[in-house]
Each structure stands twice: as structure tokens, then as C-alpha cells.
Amino acid sequence: MSDEKDKSIEHTYLAVGIGVGLPLGAALGLLLFDDIATGAGIGLVFGITIGTVADSFKRKE
């Protein structure tokens, strides 16, 4: 039972990174590039990167 809980918690940081990076990137893209899709794409990339790094640090502990 605890293995299932550990697996569901593993991808929490990735989801948070995507959830935060996408809207922030969209807002910044709208302000800087006048294109919401460009900013959302950039925010998504940064969100996935930061979430994956946080997940990898969490697994090492």
C-alpha cells in the first residue's frame, strides 16, 4: 500500500511545475511577445524542467 502512495507522490513536483509554469509563461508571453502561445510554450518547458529537477532531488533523499 505504501508503494502506491510513493508512486503517486513521485510526480507531484512535475505537476506543480507544469501548473505554475504554463499560466506564468502565458502571461509573460502576452506581455513580452504579444503571443500567448509562445509564452505558454516557454513556460511549459521551464515548468517541466524545474519539476523534473525537483523530482530527481526528492528521489535521492
Protein backbone atom coordinates (compact mmCIF):
# COMPACT_ATOMS: atom_id res chain seq x y z
CA MET A 1 0.00 0.00 0.00
CA SER A 2 2.81 2.42 0.77
CA ASP A 3 4.41 1.69 -2.62
CA GLU A 4 1.28 3.00 -4.37
CA LYS A 5 1.38 6.15 -2.26
CA ASP A 6 5.07 6.71 -3.05
CA LYS A 7 4.42 6.34 -6.78
CA SER A 8 1.60 8.88 -6.71
CA ILE A 9 3.74 11.40 -4.83
CA GLU A 10 6.70 10.99 -7.20
CA HIS A 11 5.25 13.18 -9.93
CA THR A 12 3.83 15.88 -7.68
CA TYR A 13 6.60 18.37 -8.40
CA LEU A 14 6.31 17.81 -12.13
CA ALA A 15 2.60 18.57 -11.99
CA VAL A 16 3.20 21.65 -9.86
CA GLY A 17 5.91 22.83 -12.25
CA ILE A 18 3.58 22.48 -15.22
CA GLY A 19 0.68 24.03 -13.34
CA VAL A 20 2.69 27.09 -12.36
CA GLY A 21 4.90 27.43 -15.45
CA LEU A 22 2.12 27.32 -18.02
CA PRO A 23 0.00 30.26 -16.79
CA LEU A 24 3.01 32.37 -15.82
CA GLY A 25 4.59 31.75 -19.19
CA ALA A 26 1.34 32.59 -20.93
CA ALA A 27 1.06 35.88 -19.04
CA LEU A 28 4.68 36.81 -19.71
CA GLY A 29 4.33 35.80 -23.35
CA LEU A 30 1.31 38.01 -23.71
CA LEU A 31 3.19 40.93 -22.18
CA LEU A 32 6.55 40.46 -23.89
CA PHE A 33 5.81 38.82 -27.25
CA ASP A 34 2.12 39.71 -27.78
CA ASP A 35 1.60 35.99 -28.36
CA ILE A 36 0.11 33.80 -25.65
CA ALA A 37 1.13 30.54 -27.32
CA THR A 38 4.82 31.42 -27.41
CA GLY A 39 4.85 32.35 -23.74
CA ALA A 40 2.85 29.26 -22.78
CA GLY A 41 5.33 27.06 -24.61
CA ILE A 42 8.29 28.68 -22.89
CA GLY A 43 6.56 28.46 -19.50
CA LEU A 44 5.73 24.80 -20.11
CA VAL A 45 9.35 24.00 -20.88
CA PHE A 46 10.57 25.76 -17.75
CA GLY A 47 7.84 24.13 -15.64
CA ILE A 48 8.73 20.64 -16.85
CA THR A 49 12.43 21.29 -16.30
CA ILE A 50 12.04 22.65 -12.78
CA GLY A 51 9.54 19.93 -11.83
CA THR A 52 11.79 17.17 -13.12
CA VAL A 53 14.79 18.56 -11.24
CA ALA A 54 12.74 18.76 -8.03
CA ASP A 55 11.54 15.18 -8.54
CA SER A 56 15.08 13.92 -9.04
CA PHE A 57 16.30 15.64 -5.86
CA LYS A 58 13.35 14.18 -3.94
CA ARG A 59 14.17 10.64 -5.11
CA LYS A 60 17.78 10.92 -3.94
CA GLU A 61 16.67 11.53 -0.35
